[in-house]
Amino acid sequence: MRGDVQLLSADGASRGATPGDAVEPIDRIVTGADSGASMVLRDGTSLVVGPSSRLDLKQFHFDSTTQDGGMLVSLLRGSMRMITGLIGKTHPDAVRVETQTAVIGIRGTDFIVQVDGQP
């Protein structure tokens, strides 16, 4: 984590993020102008959120025994890098990224998405 990073819960409550904070499905990650955050999800997926970004973790579930799961993230503004973990490797159809104009299906890879828009 670097700079001003806020976590917004589904009920609209905002809190300053600190390293090691748990992020729940439906949380929004908001980064300031010179800020960024990285997260590692339970399946090993890495998400790096760039400056001036808004990212919603809309859905995430993972069973470490069966390696079954799914995720849906929505990038409203800014940039995000994703390196997919076990879900992307074992169930690539279960990983999706939304933007205001597109839905991206992931096939297990390392990629960057950038959105220039209003939240």
PDB file of N, CA and C in Angstrom:
ATOM      1  N   MET A   1       0.833  -1.166   0.000  1.00  0.00           N
ATOM      2  CA  MET A   1       0.000   0.000   0.000  1.00  0.00           C
ATOM      3  C   MET A   1       0.884   1.237   0.000  1.00  0.00           C
ATOM      4  N   ARG A   2       0.446   2.246  -0.759  1.00  0.00           N
ATOM      5  CA  ARG A   2       1.187   3.498  -0.812  1.00  0.00           C
ATOM      6  C   ARG A   2       0.183   4.649  -0.884  1.00  0.00           C
ATOM      7  N   GLY A   3       0.357   5.644  -0.039  1.00  0.00           N
ATOM      8  CA  GLY A   3      -0.478   6.841  -0.101  1.00  0.00           C
ATOM      9  C   GLY A   3      -1.855   6.653   0.509  1.00  0.00           C
ATOM     10  N   ASP A   4      -2.829   7.392  -0.049  1.00  0.00           N
ATOM     11  CA  ASP A   4      -4.199   7.411   0.460  1.00  0.00           C
ATOM     12  C   ASP A   4      -5.030   6.313  -0.203  1.00  0.00           C
ATOM     13  N   VAL A   5      -5.358   5.291   0.571  1.00  0.00           N
ATOM     14  CA  VAL A   5      -6.189   4.189   0.077  1.00  0.00           C
ATOM     15  C   VAL A   5      -7.355   4.030   1.037  1.00  0.00           C
ATOM     16  N   GLN A   6      -8.562   4.057   0.496  1.00  0.00           N
ATOM     17  CA  GLN A   6      -9.788   3.929   1.285  1.00  0.00           C
ATOM     18  C   GLN A   6     -10.519   2.659   0.891  1.00  0.00           C
ATOM     19  N   LEU A   7     -11.182   2.050   1.871  1.00  0.00           N
ATOM     20  CA  LEU A   7     -12.065   0.911   1.622  1.00  0.00           C
ATOM     21  C   LEU A   7     -13.481   1.363   1.930  1.00  0.00           C
ATOM     22  N   LEU A   8     -14.385   1.191   0.974  1.00  0.00           N
ATOM     23  CA  LEU A   8     -15.793   1.530   1.150  1.00  0.00           C
ATOM     24  C   LEU A   8     -16.586   0.241   1.202  1.00  0.00           C
ATOM     25  N   SER A   9     -17.354   0.057   2.274  1.00  0.00           N
ATOM     26  CA  SER A   9     -18.163  -1.147   2.402  1.00  0.00           C
ATOM     27  C   SER A   9     -19.476  -0.974   1.645  1.00  0.00           C
ATOM     28  N   ALA A  10     -20.230  -2.048   1.527  1.00  0.00           N
ATOM     29  CA  ALA A  10     -21.496  -2.020   0.798  1.00  0.00           C
ATOM     30  C   ALA A  10     -22.489  -1.039   1.413  1.00  0.00           C
ATOM     31  N   ASP A  11     -22.386  -0.790   2.725  1.00  0.00           N
ATOM     32  CA  ASP A  11     -23.304   0.150   3.373  1.00  0.00           C
ATOM     33  C   ASP A  11     -22.833   1.602   3.283  1.00  0.00           C
ATOM     34  N   GLY A  12     -21.721   1.847   2.558  1.00  0.00           N
ATOM     35  CA  GLY A  12     -21.235   3.205   2.351  1.00  0.00           C
ATOM     36  C   GLY A  12     -20.233   3.688   3.375  1.00  0.00           C
ATOM     37  N   ALA A  13     -19.930   2.873   4.380  1.00  0.00           N
ATOM     38  CA  ALA A  13     -18.949   3.265   5.390  1.00  0.00           C
ATOM     39  C   ALA A  13     -17.548   3.252   4.783  1.00  0.00           C
ATOM     40  N   SER A  14     -16.776   4.305   5.066  1.00  0.00           N
ATOM     41  CA  SER A  14     -15.428   4.433   4.535  1.00  0.00           C
ATOM     42  C   SER A  14     -14.424   4.309   5.672  1.00  0.00           C
ATOM     43  N   ARG A  15     -13.308   3.635   5.389  1.00  0.00           N
ATOM     44  CA  ARG A  15     -12.234   3.543   6.373  1.00  0.00           C
ATOM     45  C   ARG A  15     -10.906   3.567   5.629  1.00  0.00           C
ATOM     46  N   GLY A  16      -9.919   4.158   6.263  1.00  0.00           N
ATOM     47  CA  GLY A  16      -8.580   4.164   5.687  1.00  0.00           C
ATOM     48  C   GLY A  16      -8.008   2.759   5.715  1.00  0.00           C
ATOM     49  N   ALA A  17      -7.443   2.338   4.623  1.00  0.00           N
ATOM     50  CA  ALA A  17      -6.869   0.994   4.537  1.00  0.00           C
ATOM     51  C   ALA A  17      -5.483   0.985   5.178  1.00  0.00           C
ATOM     52  N   THR A  18      -5.161  -0.126   5.790  1.00  0.00           N
ATOM     53  CA  THR A  18      -3.828  -0.346   6.337  1.00  0.00           C
ATOM     54  C   THR A  18      -3.333  -1.703   5.841  1.00  0.00           C
ATOM     55  N   PRO A  19      -2.014  -1.879   5.733  1.00  0.00           N
ATOM     56  CA  PRO A  19      -1.496  -3.167   5.269  1.00  0.00           C
ATOM     57  C   PRO A  19      -2.046  -4.322   6.111  1.00  0.00           C
ATOM     58  N   GLY A  20      -2.482  -5.364   5.437  1.00  0.00           N
ATOM     59  CA  GLY A  20      -3.021  -6.533   6.116  1.00  0.00           C
ATOM     60  C   GLY A  20      -4.523  -6.518   6.306  1.00  0.00           C
ATOM     61  N   ASP A  21      -5.198  -5.409   5.958  1.00  0.00           N
ATOM     62  CA  ASP A  21      -6.660  -5.354   6.077  1.00  0.00           C
ATOM     63  C   ASP A  21      -7.319  -6.422   5.218  1.00  0.00           C
ATOM     64  N   ALA A  22      -8.383  -6.998   5.738  1.00  0.00           N
ATOM     65  CA  ALA A  22      -9.191  -7.925   4.958  1.00  0.00           C
ATOM     66  C   ALA A  22     -10.103  -7.121   4.045  1.00  0.00           C
ATOM     67  N   VAL A  23     -10.243  -7.569   2.818  1.00  0.00           N
ATOM     68  CA  VAL A  23     -11.154  -6.953   1.860  1.00  0.00           C
ATOM     69  C   VAL A  23     -12.253  -7.968   1.595  1.00  0.00           C
ATOM     70  N   GLU A  24     -13.478  -7.528   1.767  1.00  0.00           N
ATOM     71  CA  GLU A  24     -14.635  -8.409   1.607  1.00  0.00           C
ATOM     72  C   GLU A  24     -15.256  -8.231   0.230  1.00  0.00           C
ATOM     73  N   PRO A  25     -15.916  -9.289  -0.283  1.00  0.00           N
ATOM     74  CA  PRO A  25     -16.683  -9.088  -1.509  1.00  0.00           C
ATOM     75  C   PRO A  25     -17.666  -7.933  -1.310  1.00  0.00           C
ATOM     76  N   ILE A  26     -17.827  -7.134  -2.295  1.00  0.00           N
ATOM     77  CA  ILE A  26     -18.651  -5.929  -2.361  1.00  0.00           C
ATOM     78  C   ILE A  26     -17.894  -4.706  -1.851  1.00  0.00           C
ATOM     79  N   ASP A  27     -16.691  -4.836  -1.339  1.00  0.00           N
ATOM     80  CA  ASP A  27     -15.905  -3.668  -0.943  1.00  0.00           C
ATOM     81  C   ASP A  27     -15.408  -2.926  -2.180  1.00  0.00           C
ATOM     82  N   ARG A  28     -15.268  -1.610  -2.045  1.00  0.00           N
ATOM     83  CA  ARG A  28     -14.682  -0.772  -3.097  1.00  0.00           C
ATOM     84  C   ARG A  28     -13.336  -0.278  -2.592  1.00  0.00           C
ATOM     85  N   ILE A  29     -12.326  -0.406  -3.443  1.00  0.00           N
ATOM     86  CA  ILE A  29     -10.993   0.099  -3.135  1.00  0.00           C
ATOM     87  C   ILE A  29     -10.833   1.411  -3.906  1.00  0.00           C
ATOM     88  N   VAL A  30     -10.505   2.491  -3.193  1.00  0.00           N
ATOM     89  CA  VAL A  30     -10.359   3.811  -3.794  1.00  0.00           C
ATOM     90  C   VAL A  30      -8.953   4.301  -3.487  1.00  0.00           C
ATOM     91  N   THR A  31      -8.201   4.646  -4.524  1.00  0.00           N
ATOM     92  CA  THR A  31      -6.839   5.138  -4.336  1.00  0.00           C
ATOM     93  C   THR A  31      -6.754   6.612  -4.715  1.00  0.00           C
ATOM     94  N   GLY A  32      -5.912   7.351  -4.001  1.00  0.00           N
ATOM     95  CA  GLY A  32      -5.684   8.760  -4.283  1.00  0.00           C
ATOM     96  C   GLY A  32      -4.750   8.961  -5.464  1.00  0.00           C
ATOM     97  N   ALA A  33      -4.462  10.226  -5.766  1.00  0.00           N
ATOM     98  CA  ALA A  33      -3.682  10.589  -6.962  1.00  0.00           C
ATOM     99  C   ALA A  33      -2.289   9.961  -6.998  1.00  0.00           C
ATOM    100  N   ASP A  34      -1.585   9.938  -5.903  1.00  0.00           N
ATOM    101  CA  ASP A  34      -0.239   9.354  -5.878  1.00  0.00           C
ATOM    102  C   ASP A  34      -0.225   8.105  -5.017  1.00  0.00           C
ATOM    103  N   SER A  35      -1.253   7.292  -5.155  1.00  0.00           N
ATOM    104  CA  SER A  35      -1.444   6.150  -4.263  1.00  0.00           C
ATOM    105  C   SER A  35      -1.623   4.863  -5.056  1.00  0.00           C
ATOM    106  N   GLY A  36      -1.521   3.757  -4.371  1.00  0.00           N
ATOM    107  CA  GLY A  36      -1.743   2.454  -4.982  1.00  0.00           C
ATOM    108  C   GLY A  36      -1.868   1.391  -3.912  1.00  0.00           C
ATOM    109  N   ALA A  37      -2.396   0.257  -4.308  1.00  0.00           N
ATOM    110  CA  ALA A  37      -2.564  -0.848  -3.368  1.00  0.00           C
ATOM    111  C   ALA A  37      -2.394  -2.158  -4.117  1.00  0.00           C
ATOM    112  N   SER A  38      -1.904  -3.158  -3.416  1.00  0.00           N
ATOM    113  CA  SER A  38      -1.856  -4.496  -3.996  1.00  0.00           C
ATOM    114  C   SER A  38      -2.486  -5.463  -3.006  1.00  0.00           C
ATOM    115  N   MET A  39      -3.143  -6.471  -3.566  1.00  0.00           N
ATOM    116  CA  MET A  39      -3.826  -7.474  -2.758  1.00  0.00           C
ATOM    117  C   MET A  39      -3.502  -8.844  -3.312  1.00  0.00           C
ATOM    118  N   VAL A  40      -3.447  -9.813  -2.418  1.00  0.00           N
ATOM    119  CA  VAL A  40      -3.329 -11.202  -2.822  1.00  0.00           C
ATOM    120  C   VAL A  40      -4.566 -11.904  -2.275  1.00  0.00           C
ATOM    121  N   LEU A  41      -5.359 -12.477  -3.181  1.00  0.00           N
ATOM    122  CA  LEU A  41      -6.574 -13.181  -2.780  1.00  0.00           C
ATOM    123  C   LEU A  41      -6.241 -14.617  -2.383  1.00  0.00           C
ATOM    124  N   ARG A  42      -7.185 -15.290  -1.760  1.00  0.00           N
ATOM    125  CA  ARG A  42      -6.924 -16.623  -1.201  1.00  0.00           C
ATOM    126  C   ARG A  42      -6.506 -17.661  -2.239  1.00  0.00           C
ATOM    127  N   ASP A  43      -6.834 -17.467  -3.498  1.00  0.00           N
ATOM    128  CA  ASP A  43      -6.429 -18.431  -4.522  1.00  0.00           C
ATOM    129  C   ASP A  43      -5.067 -18.085  -5.123  1.00  0.00           C
ATOM    130  N   GLY A  44      -4.435 -17.002  -4.630  1.00  0.00           N
ATOM    131  CA  GLY A  44      -3.137 -16.583  -5.133  1.00  0.00           C
ATOM    132  C   GLY A  44      -3.209 -15.508  -6.202  1.00  0.00           C
ATOM    133  N   THR A  45      -4.399 -15.065  -6.569  1.00  0.00           N
ATOM    134  CA  THR A  45      -4.542 -13.972  -7.526  1.00  0.00           C
ATOM    135  C   THR A  45      -3.962 -12.699  -6.926  1.00  0.00           C
ATOM    136  N   SER A  46      -3.163 -11.971  -7.715  1.00  0.00           N
ATOM    137  CA  SER A  46      -2.628 -10.678  -7.300  1.00  0.00           C
ATOM    138  C   SER A  46      -3.357  -9.579  -8.050  1.00  0.00           C
ATOM    139  N   LEU A  47      -3.809  -8.572  -7.304  1.00  0.00           N
ATOM    140  CA  LEU A  47      -4.427  -7.389  -7.886  1.00  0.00           C
ATOM    141  C   LEU A  47      -3.614  -6.181  -7.462  1.00  0.00           C
ATOM    142  N   VAL A  48      -3.211  -5.365  -8.415  1.00  0.00           N
ATOM    143  CA  VAL A  48      -2.506  -4.125  -8.130  1.00  0.00           C
ATOM    144  C   VAL A  48      -3.382  -2.998  -8.664  1.00  0.00           C
ATOM    145  N   VAL A  49      -3.806  -2.112  -7.765  1.00  0.00           N
ATOM    146  CA  VAL A  49      -4.690  -1.006  -8.123  1.00  0.00           C
ATOM    147  C   VAL A  49      -3.832   0.249  -8.207  1.00  0.00           C
ATOM    148  N   GLY A  50      -3.899   0.932  -9.361  1.00  0.00           N
ATOM    149  CA  GLY A  50      -3.067   2.101  -9.609  1.00  0.00           C
ATOM    150  C   GLY A  50      -3.630   3.379  -9.010  1.00  0.00           C
ATOM    151  N   PRO A  51      -2.949   4.501  -9.256  1.00  0.00           N
ATOM    152  CA  PRO A  51      -3.375   5.800  -8.720  1.00  0.00           C
ATOM    153  C   PRO A  51      -4.729   6.243  -9.277  1.00  0.00           C
ATOM    154  N   SER A  52      -5.449   7.022  -8.470  1.00  0.00           N
ATOM    155  CA  SER A  52      -6.747   7.596  -8.861  1.00  0.00           C
ATOM    156  C   SER A  52      -7.696   6.548  -9.422  1.00  0.00           C
ATOM    157  N   SER A  53      -7.804   5.429  -8.719  1.00  0.00           N
ATOM    158  CA  SER A  53      -8.616   4.305  -9.201  1.00  0.00           C
ATOM    159  C   SER A  53      -9.769   3.994  -8.260  1.00  0.00           C
ATOM    160  N   ARG A  54     -10.789   3.375  -8.832  1.00  0.00           N
ATOM    161  CA  ARG A  54     -11.922   2.841  -8.072  1.00  0.00           C
ATOM    162  C   ARG A  54     -12.179   1.436  -8.581  1.00  0.00           C
ATOM    163  N   LEU A  55     -12.071   0.462  -7.684  1.00  0.00           N
ATOM    164  CA  LEU A  55     -12.245  -0.935  -8.041  1.00  0.00           C
ATOM    165  C   LEU A  55     -13.218  -1.578  -7.071  1.00  0.00           C
ATOM    166  N   ASP A  56     -14.236  -2.247  -7.600  1.00  0.00           N
ATOM    167  CA  ASP A  56     -15.175  -2.999  -6.772  1.00  0.00           C
ATOM    168  C   ASP A  56     -14.838  -4.476  -6.855  1.00  0.00           C
ATOM    169  N   LEU A  57     -14.668  -5.112  -5.702  1.00  0.00           N
ATOM    170  CA  LEU A  57     -14.563  -6.564  -5.642  1.00  0.00           C
ATOM    171  C   LEU A  57     -15.998  -7.067  -5.489  1.00  0.00           C
ATOM    172  N   LYS A  58     -16.630  -7.359  -6.614  1.00  0.00           N
ATOM    173  CA  LYS A  58     -18.060  -7.674  -6.604  1.00  0.00           C
ATOM    174  C   LYS A  58     -18.339  -9.092  -6.117  1.00  0.00           C
ATOM    175  N   GLN A  59     -17.465 -10.008  -6.466  1.00  0.00           N
ATOM    176  CA  GLN A  59     -17.692 -11.398  -6.069  1.00  0.00           C
ATOM    177  C   GLN A  59     -16.350 -12.102  -5.945  1.00  0.00           C
ATOM    178  N   PHE A  60     -16.208 -12.892  -4.905  1.00  0.00           N
ATOM    179  CA  PHE A  60     -15.041 -13.757  -4.781  1.00  0.00           C
ATOM    180  C   PHE A  60     -15.405 -14.917  -3.872  1.00  0.00           C
ATOM    181  N   HIS A  61     -15.219 -16.111  -4.370  1.00  0.00           N
ATOM    182  CA  HIS A  61     -15.363 -17.302  -3.528  1.00  0.00           C
ATOM    183  C   HIS A  61     -14.354 -18.337  -4.024  1.00  0.00           C
ATOM    184  N   PHE A  62     -13.779 -19.067  -3.058  1.00  0.00           N
ATOM    185  CA  PHE A  62     -12.749 -20.039  -3.393  1.00  0.00           C
ATOM    186  C   PHE A  62     -12.731 -21.134  -2.349  1.00  0.00           C
ATOM    187  N   ASP A  63     -12.761 -22.372  -2.794  1.00  0.00           N
ATOM    188  CA  ASP A  63     -12.654 -23.546  -1.926  1.00  0.00           C
ATOM    189  C   ASP A  63     -11.264 -24.140  -2.142  1.00  0.00           C
ATOM    190  N   SER A  64     -10.404 -24.039  -1.140  1.00  0.00           N
ATOM    191  CA  SER A  64      -9.023 -24.492  -1.301  1.00  0.00           C
ATOM    192  C   SER A  64      -8.911 -26.007  -1.455  1.00  0.00           C
ATOM    193  N   THR A  65      -9.914 -26.745  -1.002  1.00  0.00           N
ATOM    194  CA  THR A  65      -9.880 -28.197  -1.137  1.00  0.00           C
ATOM    195  C   THR A  65     -10.143 -28.621  -2.579  1.00  0.00           C
ATOM    196  N   THR A  66     -11.188 -28.069  -3.181  1.00  0.00           N
ATOM    197  CA  THR A  66     -11.558 -28.453  -4.544  1.00  0.00           C
ATOM    198  C   THR A  66     -10.967 -27.523  -5.598  1.00  0.00           C
ATOM    199  N   GLN A  67     -10.416 -26.393  -5.172  1.00  0.00           N
ATOM    200  CA  GLN A  67      -9.905 -25.335  -6.035  1.00  0.00           C
ATOM    201  C   GLN A  67     -10.996 -24.789  -6.953  1.00  0.00           C
ATOM    202  N   ASP A  68     -12.234 -24.873  -6.493  1.00  0.00           N
ATOM    203  CA  ASP A  68     -13.377 -24.340  -7.212  1.00  0.00           C
ATOM    204  C   ASP A  68     -13.634 -22.922  -6.714  1.00  0.00           C
ATOM    205  N   GLY A  69     -14.046 -22.041  -7.598  1.00  0.00           N
ATOM    206  CA  GLY A  69     -14.336 -20.676  -7.168  1.00  0.00           C
ATOM    207  C   GLY A  69     -14.683 -19.791  -8.333  1.00  0.00           C
ATOM    208  N   GLY A  70     -14.802 -18.521  -8.036  1.00  0.00           N
ATOM    209  CA  GLY A  70     -15.098 -17.535  -9.064  1.00  0.00           C
ATOM    210  C   GLY A  70     -14.831 -16.144  -8.542  1.00  0.00           C
ATOM    211  N   MET A  71     -14.628 -15.211  -9.468  1.00  0.00           N
ATOM    212  CA  MET A  71     -14.431 -13.825  -9.066  1.00  0.00           C
ATOM    213  C   MET A  71     -14.941 -12.894 -10.156  1.00  0.00           C
ATOM    214  N   LEU A  72     -15.418 -11.753  -9.684  1.00  0.00           N
ATOM    215  CA  LEU A  72     -15.863 -10.685 -10.561  1.00  0.00           C
ATOM    216  C   LEU A  72     -15.386  -9.381  -9.954  1.00  0.00           C
ATOM    217  N   VAL A  73     -14.567  -8.644 -10.696  1.00  0.00           N
ATOM    218  CA  VAL A  73     -14.128  -7.324 -10.257  1.00  0.00           C
ATOM    219  C   VAL A  73     -14.608  -6.309 -11.283  1.00  0.00           C
ATOM    220  N   SER A  74     -14.902  -5.112 -10.798  1.00  0.00           N
ATOM    221  CA  SER A  74     -15.380  -4.043 -11.653  1.00  0.00           C
ATOM    222  C   SER A  74     -14.446  -2.849 -11.494  1.00  0.00           C
ATOM    223  N   LEU A  75     -13.780  -2.472 -12.578  1.00  0.00           N
ATOM    224  CA  LEU A  75     -12.900  -1.313 -12.560  1.00  0.00           C
ATOM    225  C   LEU A  75     -13.703  -0.127 -13.069  1.00  0.00           C
ATOM    226  N   LEU A  76     -13.998   0.798 -12.159  1.00  0.00           N
ATOM    227  CA  LEU A  76     -14.807   1.969 -12.489  1.00  0.00           C
ATOM    228  C   LEU A  76     -13.972   3.108 -13.048  1.00  0.00           C
ATOM    229  N   ARG A  77     -12.747   3.234 -12.546  1.00  0.00           N
ATOM    230  CA  ARG A  77     -11.863   4.317 -12.973  1.00  0.00           C
ATOM    231  C   ARG A  77     -10.432   3.932 -12.621  1.00  0.00           C
ATOM    232  N   GLY A  78      -9.481   4.367 -13.443  1.00  0.00           N
ATOM    233  CA  GLY A  78      -8.077   4.148 -13.129  1.00  0.00           C
ATOM    234  C   GLY A  78      -7.504   2.922 -13.802  1.00  0.00           C
ATOM    235  N   SER A  79      -6.616   2.246 -13.085  1.00  0.00           N
ATOM    236  CA  SER A  79      -5.927   1.095 -13.670  1.00  0.00           C
ATOM    237  C   SER A  79      -5.803  -0.040 -12.662  1.00  0.00           C
ATOM    238  N   MET A  80      -5.681  -1.243 -13.211  1.00  0.00           N
ATOM    239  CA  MET A  80      -5.540  -2.440 -12.400  1.00  0.00           C
ATOM    240  C   MET A  80      -4.684  -3.440 -13.166  1.00  0.00           C
ATOM    241  N   ARG A  81      -3.803  -4.098 -12.447  1.00  0.00           N
ATOM    242  CA  ARG A  81      -3.058  -5.229 -12.998  1.00  0.00           C
ATOM    243  C   ARG A  81      -3.518  -6.465 -12.256  1.00  0.00           C
ATOM    244  N   MET A  82      -3.776  -7.527 -12.988  1.00  0.00           N
ATOM    245  CA  MET A  82      -4.180  -8.792 -12.362  1.00  0.00           C
ATOM    246  C   MET A  82      -3.267  -9.907 -12.855  1.00  0.00           C
ATOM    247  N   ILE A  83      -2.798 -10.693 -11.912  1.00  0.00           N
ATOM    248  CA  ILE A  83      -2.086 -11.929 -12.220  1.00  0.00           C
ATOM    249  C   ILE A  83      -2.949 -13.030 -11.617  1.00  0.00           C
ATOM    250  N   THR A  84      -3.576 -13.812 -12.479  1.00  0.00           N
ATOM    251  CA  THR A  84      -4.556 -14.772 -11.990  1.00  0.00           C
ATOM    252  C   THR A  84      -3.903 -15.888 -11.191  1.00  0.00           C
ATOM    253  N   GLY A  85      -4.662 -16.389 -10.227  1.00  0.00           N
ATOM    254  CA  GLY A  85      -4.223 -17.479  -9.363  1.00  0.00           C
ATOM    255  C   GLY A  85      -4.880 -18.795  -9.778  1.00  0.00           C
ATOM    256  N   LEU A  86      -5.190 -19.616  -8.779  1.00  0.00           N
ATOM    257  CA  LEU A  86      -5.718 -20.950  -9.046  1.00  0.00           C
ATOM    258  C   LEU A  86      -7.066 -20.936  -9.759  1.00  0.00           C
ATOM    259  N   ILE A  87      -7.938 -19.993  -9.432  1.00  0.00           N
ATOM    260  CA  ILE A  87      -9.233 -19.953 -10.118  1.00  0.00           C
ATOM    261  C   ILE A  87      -9.022 -19.729 -11.611  1.00  0.00           C
ATOM    262  N   GLY A  88      -8.168 -18.786 -11.965  1.00  0.00           N
ATOM    263  CA  GLY A  88      -7.888 -18.519 -13.371  1.00  0.00           C
ATOM    264  C   GLY A  88      -7.220 -19.670 -14.086  1.00  0.00           C
ATOM    265  N   LYS A  89      -6.464 -20.465 -13.355  1.00  0.00           N
ATOM    266  CA  LYS A  89      -5.785 -21.609 -13.964  1.00  0.00           C
ATOM    267  C   LYS A  89      -6.705 -22.824 -14.096  1.00  0.00           C
ATOM    268  N   THR A  90      -7.542 -23.070 -13.071  1.00  0.00           N
ATOM    269  CA  THR A  90      -8.389 -24.268 -13.094  1.00  0.00           C
ATOM    270  C   THR A  90      -9.782 -24.019 -13.657  1.00  0.00           C
ATOM    271  N   HIS A  91     -10.312 -22.810 -13.507  1.00  0.00           N
ATOM    272  CA  HIS A  91     -11.652 -22.462 -13.999  1.00  0.00           C
ATOM    273  C   HIS A  91     -11.607 -21.080 -14.652  1.00  0.00           C
ATOM    274  N   PRO A  92     -10.941 -20.949 -15.794  1.00  0.00           N
ATOM    275  CA  PRO A  92     -10.762 -19.617 -16.386  1.00  0.00           C
ATOM    276  C   PRO A  92     -12.079 -18.909 -16.709  1.00  0.00           C
ATOM    277  N   ASP A  93     -13.136 -19.648 -16.993  1.00  0.00           N
ATOM    278  CA  ASP A  93     -14.424 -19.013 -17.287  1.00  0.00           C
ATOM    279  C   ASP A  93     -15.040 -18.358 -16.062  1.00  0.00           C
ATOM    280  N   ALA A  94     -14.520 -18.641 -14.874  1.00  0.00           N
ATOM    281  CA  ALA A  94     -15.084 -18.117 -13.632  1.00  0.00           C
ATOM    282  C   ALA A  94     -14.435 -16.799 -13.202  1.00  0.00           C
ATOM    283  N   VAL A  95     -13.536 -16.251 -14.018  1.00  0.00           N
ATOM    284  CA  VAL A  95     -12.868 -14.990 -13.705  1.00  0.00           C
ATOM    285  C   VAL A  95     -13.323 -13.946 -14.718  1.00  0.00           C
ATOM    286  N   ARG A  96     -13.893 -12.841 -14.200  1.00  0.00           N
ATOM    287  CA  ARG A  96     -14.365 -11.776 -15.091  1.00  0.00           C
ATOM    288  C   ARG A  96     -13.972 -10.415 -14.543  1.00  0.00           C
ATOM    289  N   VAL A  97     -13.711  -9.505 -15.466  1.00  0.00           N
ATOM    290  CA  VAL A  97     -13.429  -8.113 -15.137  1.00  0.00           C
ATOM    291  C   VAL A  97     -14.422  -7.268 -15.918  1.00  0.00           C
ATOM    292  N   GLU A  98     -15.117  -6.362 -15.208  1.00  0.00           N
ATOM    293  CA  GLU A  98     -16.062  -5.454 -15.846  1.00  0.00           C
ATOM    294  C   GLU A  98     -15.472  -4.051 -15.881  1.00  0.00           C
ATOM    295  N   THR A  99     -15.795  -3.330 -16.939  1.00  0.00           N
ATOM    296  CA  THR A  99     -15.590  -1.891 -16.988  1.00  0.00           C
ATOM    297  C   THR A  99     -16.946  -1.300 -17.379  1.00  0.00           C
ATOM    298  N   GLN A 100     -17.042   0.007 -17.501  1.00  0.00           N
ATOM    299  CA  GLN A 100     -18.319   0.609 -17.859  1.00  0.00           C
ATOM    300  C   GLN A 100     -18.752   0.254 -19.268  1.00  0.00           C
ATOM    301  N   THR A 101     -17.838  -0.151 -20.112  1.00  0.00           N
ATOM    302  CA  THR A 101     -18.186  -0.442 -21.501  1.00  0.00           C
ATOM    303  C   THR A 101     -17.905  -1.868 -21.945  1.00  0.00           C
ATOM    304  N   ALA A 102     -17.322  -2.701 -21.094  1.00  0.00           N
ATOM    305  CA  ALA A 102     -16.968  -4.048 -21.530  1.00  0.00           C
ATOM    306  C   ALA A 102     -16.909  -5.013 -20.351  1.00  0.00           C
ATOM    307  N   VAL A 103     -17.071  -6.300 -20.674  1.00  0.00           N
ATOM    308  CA  VAL A 103     -16.825  -7.380 -19.729  1.00  0.00           C
ATOM    309  C   VAL A 103     -15.741  -8.244 -20.344  1.00  0.00           C
ATOM    310  N   ILE A 104     -14.703  -8.501 -19.575  1.00  0.00           N
ATOM    311  CA  ILE A 104     -13.558  -9.243 -20.080  1.00  0.00           C
ATOM    312  C   ILE A 104     -13.552 -10.623 -19.445  1.00  0.00           C
ATOM    313  N   GLY A 105     -13.520 -11.656 -20.254  1.00  0.00           N
ATOM    314  CA  GLY A 105     -13.328 -13.016 -19.767  1.00  0.00           C
ATOM    315  C   GLY A 105     -11.843 -13.304 -19.729  1.00  0.00           C
ATOM    316  N   ILE A 106     -11.373 -13.913 -18.675  1.00  0.00           N
ATOM    317  CA  ILE A 106      -9.944 -14.125 -18.469  1.00  0.00           C
ATOM    318  C   ILE A 106      -9.612 -15.595 -18.694  1.00  0.00           C
ATOM    319  N   ARG A 107      -8.488 -15.850 -19.299  1.00  0.00           N
ATOM    320  CA  ARG A 107      -8.044 -17.208 -19.559  1.00  0.00           C
ATOM    321  C   ARG A 107      -6.743 -17.535 -18.832  1.00  0.00           C
ATOM    322  N   GLY A 108      -6.563 -17.002 -17.634  1.00  0.00           N
ATOM    323  CA  GLY A 108      -5.383 -17.329 -16.834  1.00  0.00           C
ATOM    324  C   GLY A 108      -4.132 -16.663 -17.363  1.00  0.00           C
ATOM    325  N   THR A 109      -3.856 -15.455 -16.892  1.00  0.00           N
ATOM    326  CA  THR A 109      -2.756 -14.704 -17.453  1.00  0.00           C
ATOM    327  C   THR A 109      -2.376 -13.532 -16.551  1.00  0.00           C
ATOM    328  N   ASP A 110      -1.551 -12.652 -17.070  1.00  0.00           N
ATOM    329  CA  ASP A 110      -1.107 -11.428 -16.411  1.00  0.00           C
ATOM    330  C   ASP A 110      -1.485 -10.289 -17.357  1.00  0.00           C
ATOM    331  N   PHE A 111      -2.292  -9.345 -16.896  1.00  0.00           N
ATOM    332  CA  PHE A 111      -2.751  -8.291 -17.785  1.00  0.00           C
ATOM    333  C   PHE A 111      -3.027  -7.010 -17.013  1.00  0.00           C
ATOM    334  N   ILE A 112      -3.167  -5.916 -17.754  1.00  0.00           N
ATOM    335  CA  ILE A 112      -3.464  -4.595 -17.198  1.00  0.00           C
ATOM    336  C   ILE A 112      -4.718  -4.063 -17.873  1.00  0.00           C
ATOM    337  N   VAL A 113      -5.606  -3.443 -17.080  1.00  0.00           N
ATOM    338  CA  VAL A 113      -6.806  -2.802 -17.606  1.00  0.00           C
ATOM    339  C   VAL A 113      -6.759  -1.360 -17.150  1.00  0.00           C
ATOM    340  N   GLN A 114      -7.069  -0.433 -18.059  1.00  0.00           N
ATOM    341  CA  GLN A 114      -7.128   0.979 -17.704  1.00  0.00           C
ATOM    342  C   GLN A 114      -8.463   1.546 -18.176  1.00  0.00           C
ATOM    343  N   VAL A 115      -9.107   2.331 -17.284  1.00  0.00           N
ATOM    344  CA  VAL A 115     -10.391   2.954 -17.578  1.00  0.00           C
ATOM    345  C   VAL A 115     -10.275   4.437 -17.313  1.00  0.00           C
ATOM    346  N   ASP A 116     -10.654   5.241 -18.292  1.00  0.00           N
ATOM    347  CA  ASP A 116     -10.706   6.683 -18.125  1.00  0.00           C
ATOM    348  C   ASP A 116     -12.160   7.066 -18.115  1.00  0.00           C
ATOM    349  N   GLY A 117     -12.736   7.213 -16.925  1.00  0.00           N
ATOM    350  CA  GLY A 117     -14.145   7.551 -16.827  1.00  0.00           C
ATOM    351  C   GLY A 117     -14.510   8.000 -15.445  1.00  0.00           C
ATOM    352  N   GLN A 118     -15.739   8.375 -15.281  1.00  0.00           N
ATOM    353  CA  GLN A 118     -16.263   8.815 -13.974  1.00  0.00           C
ATOM    354  C   GLN A 118     -16.887   7.617 -13.273  1.00  0.00           C
ATOM    355  N   PRO A 119     -16.817   7.575 -11.928  1.00  0.00           N
ATOM    356  CA  PRO A 119     -17.409   6.456 -11.179  1.00  0.00           C
ATOM    357  C   PRO A 119     -18.921   6.476 -11.234  1.00  0.00           C
TER     358      PRO A 119
END
